[in-house]
Amino acid sequence: MEKETKVYCGSGKKQNETWCKATINIDKIKDHVQEFNGHKFVKVNINFKDEPDQYGKDVAITIDTWKPEPKVEQEQEQKDLPF
């Protein structure tokens, strides 16, 4: 499986154990907008950093670019007889 380059699109700061504030750069996500049932969305990964960066941000946001691998055709295996 090939490792893809991460597309960083925002950052934020953890406010407490259950809440963080973040900013997302619209220009970086516009090429990754998907549509499903007439709704537009962008899948993102939100990760908490071990240590804050130079700006005090301890949350990183990246575009979720994962795509499932195509399924191998199993029909051909079922057509072949086992003998």
Protein backbone atom coordinates (compact mmCIF):
# COMPACT_ATOMS: atom_id res chain seq x y z
CA MET A 1 0.00 0.00 0.00
CA GLU A 2 1.41 3.33 -1.06
CA LYS A 3 1.70 6.09 1.54
CA GLU A 4 0.04 9.30 0.40
CA THR A 5 1.23 12.81 1.20
CA LYS A 6 -0.90 14.42 3.89
CA VAL A 7 -2.87 17.49 2.88
CA TYR A 8 -2.85 19.80 5.90
CA CYS A 9 -5.89 22.05 5.83
CA GLY A 10 -6.14 23.49 9.32
CA SER A 11 -5.11 23.52 12.94
CA GLY A 12 -6.54 24.23 16.33
CA LYS A 13 -6.13 24.18 20.05
CA LYS A 14 -7.53 21.73 22.57
CA GLN A 15 -9.71 23.62 25.07
CA ASN A 16 -10.42 20.73 27.45
CA GLU A 17 -10.79 16.92 27.33
CA THR A 18 -13.92 16.99 25.18
CA TRP A 19 -13.63 20.18 23.14
CA CYS A 20 -11.22 21.86 20.74
CA LYS A 21 -11.35 24.94 18.53
CA ALA A 22 -10.05 24.71 14.98
CA THR A 23 -9.73 26.69 11.78
CA ILE A 24 -9.95 25.11 8.32
CA ASN A 25 -8.52 26.74 5.19
CA ILE A 26 -11.31 26.60 2.58
CA ASP A 27 -8.86 27.00 -0.32
CA LYS A 28 -7.11 23.77 0.70
CA ILE A 29 -10.30 21.68 0.94
CA LYS A 30 -12.23 22.86 -2.13
CA ASP A 31 -10.60 20.23 -4.39
CA HIS A 32 -11.62 17.47 -1.96
CA VAL A 33 -15.37 18.17 -1.68
CA GLN A 34 -17.46 15.04 -2.19
CA GLU A 35 -21.18 14.75 -2.83
CA PHE A 36 -23.54 12.15 -1.41
CA ASN A 37 -27.36 12.21 -1.61
CA GLY A 38 -27.28 15.85 -2.70
CA HIS A 39 -25.09 16.97 0.22
CA LYS A 40 -21.52 18.22 -0.04
CA PHE A 41 -18.91 17.26 2.53
CA VAL A 42 -15.18 16.91 3.14
CA LYS A 43 -13.74 14.01 5.13
CA VAL A 44 -11.00 15.12 7.51
CA ASN A 45 -8.70 13.56 10.10
CA ILE A 46 -8.35 15.47 13.37
CA ASN A 47 -5.26 14.56 15.38
CA PHE A 48 -4.06 15.78 18.74
CA LYS A 49 -0.34 16.57 18.71
CA ASP A 50 1.96 15.37 21.49
CA GLU A 51 3.28 18.91 21.93
CA PRO A 52 2.01 22.31 20.77
CA ASP A 53 3.73 23.86 17.74
CA GLN A 54 5.41 27.28 17.72
CA TYR A 55 1.98 28.96 17.61
CA GLY A 56 0.54 26.96 20.53
CA LYS A 57 -1.60 24.78 18.25
CA ASP A 58 -1.94 21.19 19.45
CA VAL A 59 -4.54 19.99 16.92
CA ALA A 60 -3.74 19.11 13.28
CA ILE A 61 -6.39 18.68 10.59
CA THR A 62 -5.69 16.81 7.36
CA ILE A 63 -7.87 15.75 4.42
CA ASP A 64 -8.88 12.09 4.61
CA THR A 65 -7.67 10.88 1.21
CA TRP A 66 -8.02 7.15 1.98
CA LYS A 67 -9.77 5.14 -0.71
CA PRO A 68 -10.55 1.43 -0.48
CA GLU A 69 -8.61 -0.85 -2.78
CA PRO A 70 -10.69 -2.22 -5.65
CA LYS A 71 -12.17 -5.64 -4.92
CA VAL A 72 -10.74 -8.55 -6.87
CA GLU A 73 -13.34 -10.24 -9.02
CA GLN A 74 -14.47 -13.37 -7.23
CA GLU A 75 -16.95 -14.36 -9.92
CA GLN A 76 -14.24 -16.04 -11.97
CA GLU A 77 -13.21 -18.21 -9.00
CA GLN A 78 -16.82 -19.33 -8.55
CA LYS A 79 -17.17 -20.27 -12.21
CA ASP A 80 -14.15 -22.57 -12.14
CA LEU A 81 -14.81 -26.09 -11.02
CA PRO A 82 -12.63 -27.38 -8.18
CA PHE A 83 -11.47 -30.43 -10.16
